[in-house]
Amino acid sequence: MKHTYIVDGMTCNGCKASVEKHLEAIQNVISASVNLNKKEVQIESSSFLSVEKLQGVLPEKFSIYDNKKENVFDSTSDLVSSKSELKELKPLFIIFGYITVASILLHYKNWNWSAFMLDFMGLFYIVFSFFKLLDLKGFSKSFRMYDPLAKVIPSYGLIYPFVEVALGLLFLLRVQVPLALIITLAILGITTIGVTKTLLDKKIIQCACLGTALKLPMTKATFIENTIMIAMAVIMLVKIYN
């Protein structure tokens, strides 16, 4: 999320560098960019930050104020209106649509639900891992904000996209499918627990499903996409072992 603040006391590029340095040192801050002419700083963070917290890390010569006109996320209101939320999630819906259409086209002449689901899951993993790998460190940082396992083992966030690539290939090549399904239930089950807790706590954080290339807020859509994959994995396991 991005939020713009007014900063008084900045007079030179040294001040600019100092403000950016101190603000970027705050946990959950992804970047801080100062516009010296406008006396503003735009902060990109994975969770809401109060003005008091920001002021607390700045040297005394600087004073920071909330810029209500430029505020992208208001802590006293919903994350976004339903219309804005749909607009922000447009990339996710488009990607889901492409994956679904591609999976259908692979089998429309000789329809098979099992083959469709395996290809859907395979393409899902391959496509989503691509966006995560564009900024592996950035993804790992965002992922740790809500995934329970990544919080305990930070390196898990760094290997997670590669796990997705491996699972995607297993599904598409039809290799060790039962194992891939069980791993899918495990990793997405853990992530879904974290997503559910985040939604229930009404925390405002960035979803890491598409890495940092596309800025998506954590919403019910994230929960739904994980649930779809988990449901498919359960259905396929039942088919295999029945």
Protein backbone atom coordinates (compact mmCIF):
# COMPACT_ATOMS: atom_id res chain seq x y z
CA MET A 1 0.00 0.00 0.00
CA LYS A 2 1.08 3.57 -0.62
CA HIS A 3 0.49 6.56 1.64
CA THR A 4 1.65 10.15 1.22
CA TYR A 5 2.71 12.35 4.16
CA ILE A 6 3.79 15.98 4.55
CA VAL A 7 7.26 16.45 6.08
CA ASP A 8 8.38 19.81 7.48
CA GLY A 9 12.03 20.67 8.11
CA MET A 10 13.58 19.36 4.90
CA THR A 11 15.86 21.90 3.23
CA CYS A 12 18.35 19.95 1.11
CA ASN A 13 19.20 16.60 -0.47
CA GLY A 14 20.89 15.62 2.77
CA CYS A 15 17.56 16.02 4.56
CA LYS A 16 15.89 14.01 1.82
CA ALA A 17 18.36 11.16 2.22
CA SER A 18 18.05 11.25 6.01
CA VAL A 19 14.25 11.04 5.98
CA GLU A 20 14.24 8.19 3.46
CA LYS A 21 16.91 6.29 5.41
CA HIS A 22 15.10 6.52 8.75
CA LEU A 23 11.69 5.64 7.35
CA GLU A 24 12.96 2.67 5.32
CA ALA A 25 14.47 1.26 8.50
CA ILE A 26 10.97 0.69 9.89
CA GLN A 27 9.72 -2.88 9.79
CA ASN A 28 7.09 -3.44 7.05
CA VAL A 29 8.23 -0.39 5.05
CA ILE A 30 9.08 -1.41 1.50
CA SER A 31 10.24 2.00 0.27
CA ALA A 32 10.16 5.70 1.13
CA SER A 33 10.46 8.33 -1.60
CA VAL A 34 10.80 12.04 -0.78
CA ASN A 35 9.67 14.85 -3.08
CA LEU A 36 11.74 17.74 -1.76
CA ASN A 37 9.88 20.41 -3.76
CA LYS A 38 6.47 19.37 -2.43
CA LYS A 39 7.83 18.58 1.06
CA GLU A 40 6.21 15.15 0.80
CA VAL A 41 7.22 11.55 1.31
CA GLN A 42 5.44 8.60 -0.25
CA ILE A 43 5.75 5.43 1.81
CA GLU A 44 5.04 1.99 0.42
CA SER A 45 4.42 -0.54 3.19
CA SER A 46 2.93 -3.95 3.74
CA SER A 47 0.80 -2.77 6.69
CA PHE A 48 -0.69 0.44 8.04
CA LEU A 49 1.74 2.75 9.86
CA SER A 50 0.61 5.46 12.27
CA VAL A 51 2.01 8.98 12.06
CA GLU A 52 3.22 8.59 15.65
CA LYS A 53 5.36 5.60 14.69
CA LEU A 54 6.85 7.46 11.73
CA GLN A 55 7.58 10.55 13.80
CA GLY A 56 9.26 8.41 16.42
CA VAL A 57 12.06 7.32 14.07
CA LEU A 58 12.74 10.74 12.50
CA PRO A 59 15.27 13.24 13.87
CA GLU A 60 13.71 16.08 15.88
CA LYS A 61 14.19 18.64 13.10
CA PHE A 62 11.60 16.87 10.96
CA SER A 63 7.85 16.83 11.54
CA ILE A 64 5.57 14.46 9.63
CA TYR A 65 1.84 14.91 9.07
CA ASP A 66 -0.89 12.85 7.48
CA ASN A 67 -1.86 14.05 4.00
CA LYS A 68 -5.56 13.19 3.95
CA LYS A 69 -6.02 14.19 0.32
CA GLU A 70 -3.36 11.77 -0.89
CA ASN A 71 -4.17 8.94 1.50
CA VAL A 72 -4.61 5.70 -0.41
CA PHE A 73 -5.68 3.63 2.61
CA ASP A 74 -7.60 5.17 5.51
CA SER A 75 -7.21 3.31 8.81
CA THR A 76 -10.68 4.40 9.93
CA SER A 77 -12.48 3.05 6.87
CA ASP A 78 -12.56 -0.13 4.82
CA LEU A 79 -9.45 -1.01 2.84
CA VAL A 80 -11.09 0.18 -0.40
CA SER A 81 -14.56 0.47 -1.77
CA SER A 82 -15.90 -2.59 -3.56
CA LYS A 83 -15.40 -0.88 -6.93
CA SER A 84 -11.79 0.05 -6.14
CA GLU A 85 -11.14 -3.42 -4.78
CA LEU A 86 -12.33 -5.02 -8.00
CA LYS A 87 -10.15 -2.65 -9.98
CA GLU A 88 -7.08 -3.49 -7.90
CA LEU A 89 -7.77 -7.21 -8.28
CA LYS A 90 -8.24 -6.97 -12.05
CA PRO A 91 -4.77 -8.46 -12.80
CA LEU A 92 -5.57 -11.46 -10.59
CA PHE A 93 -8.89 -12.07 -12.34
CA ILE A 94 -7.28 -11.77 -15.78
CA ILE A 95 -4.56 -14.26 -14.89
CA PHE A 96 -7.11 -16.68 -13.44
CA GLY A 97 -9.15 -16.29 -16.62
CA TYR A 98 -6.16 -17.06 -18.85
CA ILE A 99 -5.25 -20.14 -16.82
CA THR A 100 -8.85 -21.41 -16.92
CA VAL A 101 -9.25 -20.84 -20.67
CA ALA A 102 -5.89 -22.45 -21.42
CA SER A 103 -6.81 -25.51 -19.33
CA ILE A 104 -10.16 -25.81 -21.12
CA LEU A 105 -8.61 -25.48 -24.58
CA LEU A 106 -6.19 -28.31 -23.82
CA HIS A 107 -9.11 -30.72 -23.39
CA TYR A 108 -12.21 -29.32 -25.07
CA LYS A 109 -12.12 -31.92 -27.86
CA ASN A 110 -11.87 -34.83 -25.46
CA TRP A 111 -13.13 -33.47 -22.16
CA ASN A 112 -11.76 -34.94 -18.94
CA TRP A 113 -12.34 -33.23 -15.60
CA SER A 114 -9.33 -34.82 -13.94
CA ALA A 115 -6.98 -33.78 -16.72
CA PHE A 116 -8.47 -30.27 -16.67
CA MET A 117 -7.87 -29.89 -12.94
CA LEU A 118 -4.31 -31.19 -13.12
CA ASP A 119 -3.45 -28.79 -15.93
CA PHE A 120 -5.18 -25.92 -14.13
CA MET A 121 -3.13 -26.55 -10.99
CA GLY A 122 0.05 -26.97 -13.02
CA LEU A 123 -0.44 -23.73 -14.93
CA PHE A 124 -1.50 -21.96 -11.72
CA TYR A 125 1.78 -22.82 -10.03
CA ILE A 126 3.97 -22.03 -13.05
CA VAL A 127 2.36 -18.64 -13.74
CA PHE A 128 2.18 -17.50 -10.12
CA SER A 129 5.76 -18.60 -9.41
CA PHE A 130 6.95 -16.49 -12.36
CA PHE A 131 5.69 -13.27 -10.74
CA LYS A 132 7.21 -14.23 -7.39
CA LEU A 133 10.61 -14.88 -8.96
CA LEU A 134 10.69 -11.39 -10.49
CA ASP A 135 11.50 -10.07 -7.00
CA LEU A 136 12.35 -13.03 -4.81
CA LYS A 137 13.48 -11.00 -1.78
CA GLY A 138 10.51 -8.68 -1.99
CA PHE A 139 8.13 -11.63 -2.21
CA SER A 140 9.77 -13.33 0.76
CA LYS A 141 9.39 -10.17 2.86
CA SER A 142 5.69 -9.80 2.02
CA PHE A 143 5.03 -13.54 2.40
CA ARG A 144 6.38 -13.50 5.96
CA MET A 145 3.70 -11.00 6.90
CA TYR A 146 0.98 -13.65 6.88
CA ASP A 147 2.26 -17.16 6.17
CA PRO A 148 2.74 -18.97 9.53
CA LEU A 149 5.62 -21.16 8.34
CA ALA A 150 7.47 -18.28 6.66
CA LYS A 151 7.25 -16.31 9.91
CA VAL A 152 9.03 -19.10 11.77
CA ILE A 153 11.44 -20.05 8.96
CA PRO A 154 12.25 -16.91 6.89
CA SER A 155 14.18 -18.95 4.28
CA TYR A 156 10.93 -20.74 3.43
CA GLY A 157 9.77 -17.63 1.59
CA LEU A 158 12.89 -17.77 -0.59
CA ILE A 159 12.35 -21.37 -1.67
CA TYR A 160 8.55 -21.23 -1.94
CA PRO A 161 8.46 -20.04 -5.60
CA PHE A 162 10.78 -22.90 -6.58
CA VAL A 163 8.48 -25.35 -4.80
CA GLU A 164 5.65 -23.95 -6.92
CA VAL A 165 7.68 -24.47 -10.11
CA ALA A 166 8.39 -28.07 -9.13
CA LEU A 167 4.74 -28.76 -8.30
CA GLY A 168 3.62 -27.16 -11.55
CA LEU A 169 5.91 -29.41 -13.56
CA LEU A 170 4.79 -32.51 -11.66
CA PHE A 171 1.14 -31.76 -12.47
CA LEU A 172 1.74 -30.88 -16.13
CA LEU A 173 4.03 -33.88 -16.75
CA ARG A 174 1.81 -36.20 -14.64
CA VAL A 175 4.77 -37.25 -12.50
CA GLN A 176 4.28 -38.17 -8.80
CA VAL A 177 0.81 -36.61 -8.89
CA PRO A 178 -0.35 -37.99 -5.49
CA LEU A 179 2.75 -36.55 -3.80
CA ALA A 180 2.23 -33.20 -5.52
CA LEU A 181 -1.39 -33.15 -4.35
CA ILE A 182 -0.42 -33.86 -0.74
CA ILE A 183 2.24 -31.13 -0.80
CA THR A 184 -0.33 -28.75 -2.30
CA LEU A 185 -2.72 -29.43 0.58
CA ALA A 186 0.06 -28.86 3.09
CA ILE A 187 1.55 -25.60 1.79
CA LEU A 188 -1.71 -23.98 0.70
CA GLY A 189 -3.41 -25.14 3.89
CA ILE A 190 -0.76 -23.37 5.96
CA THR A 191 -0.98 -20.22 3.85
CA THR A 192 -4.78 -20.22 4.00
CA ILE A 193 -4.64 -20.30 7.80
CA GLY A 194 -2.48 -17.17 7.72
CA VAL A 195 -4.73 -15.48 5.14
CA THR A 196 -7.84 -16.26 7.20
CA LYS A 197 -6.26 -14.85 10.36
CA THR A 198 -5.22 -11.70 8.52
CA LEU A 199 -8.72 -11.16 7.15
CA LEU A 200 -10.35 -11.78 10.53
CA ASP A 201 -7.94 -9.36 12.20
CA LYS A 202 -8.72 -6.83 9.45
CA LYS A 203 -5.05 -6.14 8.92
CA ILE A 204 -4.09 -4.10 5.86
CA ILE A 205 -1.21 -5.89 4.18
CA GLN A 206 -0.04 -6.67 0.69
CA CYS A 207 -0.86 -10.07 -0.78
CA ALA A 208 2.24 -11.89 -2.02
CA CYS A 209 0.40 -14.26 -4.39
CA LEU A 210 1.73 -12.37 -7.43
CA GLY A 211 4.95 -11.25 -5.81
CA THR A 212 5.71 -7.53 -5.69
CA ALA A 213 5.38 -6.87 -9.43
CA LEU A 214 1.64 -6.36 -8.99
CA LYS A 215 0.53 -4.63 -5.80
CA LEU A 216 -2.51 -6.50 -4.53
CA PRO A 217 -4.20 -6.00 -1.16
CA MET A 218 -4.98 -9.02 0.97
CA THR A 219 -8.68 -9.70 0.31
CA LYS A 220 -11.23 -12.50 0.24
CA ALA A 221 -10.09 -13.20 -3.34
CA THR A 222 -6.79 -14.49 -1.94
CA PHE A 223 -8.69 -16.86 0.33
CA ILE A 224 -10.89 -17.99 -2.57
CA GLU A 225 -7.98 -18.75 -4.91
CA ASN A 226 -6.30 -20.92 -2.26
CA THR A 227 -9.60 -22.65 -1.49
CA ILE A 228 -10.11 -23.52 -5.18
CA MET A 229 -6.69 -25.15 -5.35
CA ILE A 230 -7.23 -27.04 -2.10
CA ALA A 231 -10.64 -28.26 -3.27
CA MET A 232 -9.16 -29.51 -6.55
CA ALA A 233 -6.37 -31.30 -4.69
CA VAL A 234 -8.88 -33.03 -2.39
CA ILE A 235 -11.08 -34.08 -5.33
CA MET A 236 -8.10 -35.51 -7.21
CA LEU A 237 -6.83 -37.43 -4.19
CA VAL A 238 -10.30 -38.94 -3.68
CA LYS A 239 -10.39 -39.99 -7.36
CA ILE A 240 -6.93 -41.53 -7.17
CA TYR A 241 -7.47 -43.54 -3.98
CA ASN A 242 -11.07 -44.62 -4.61
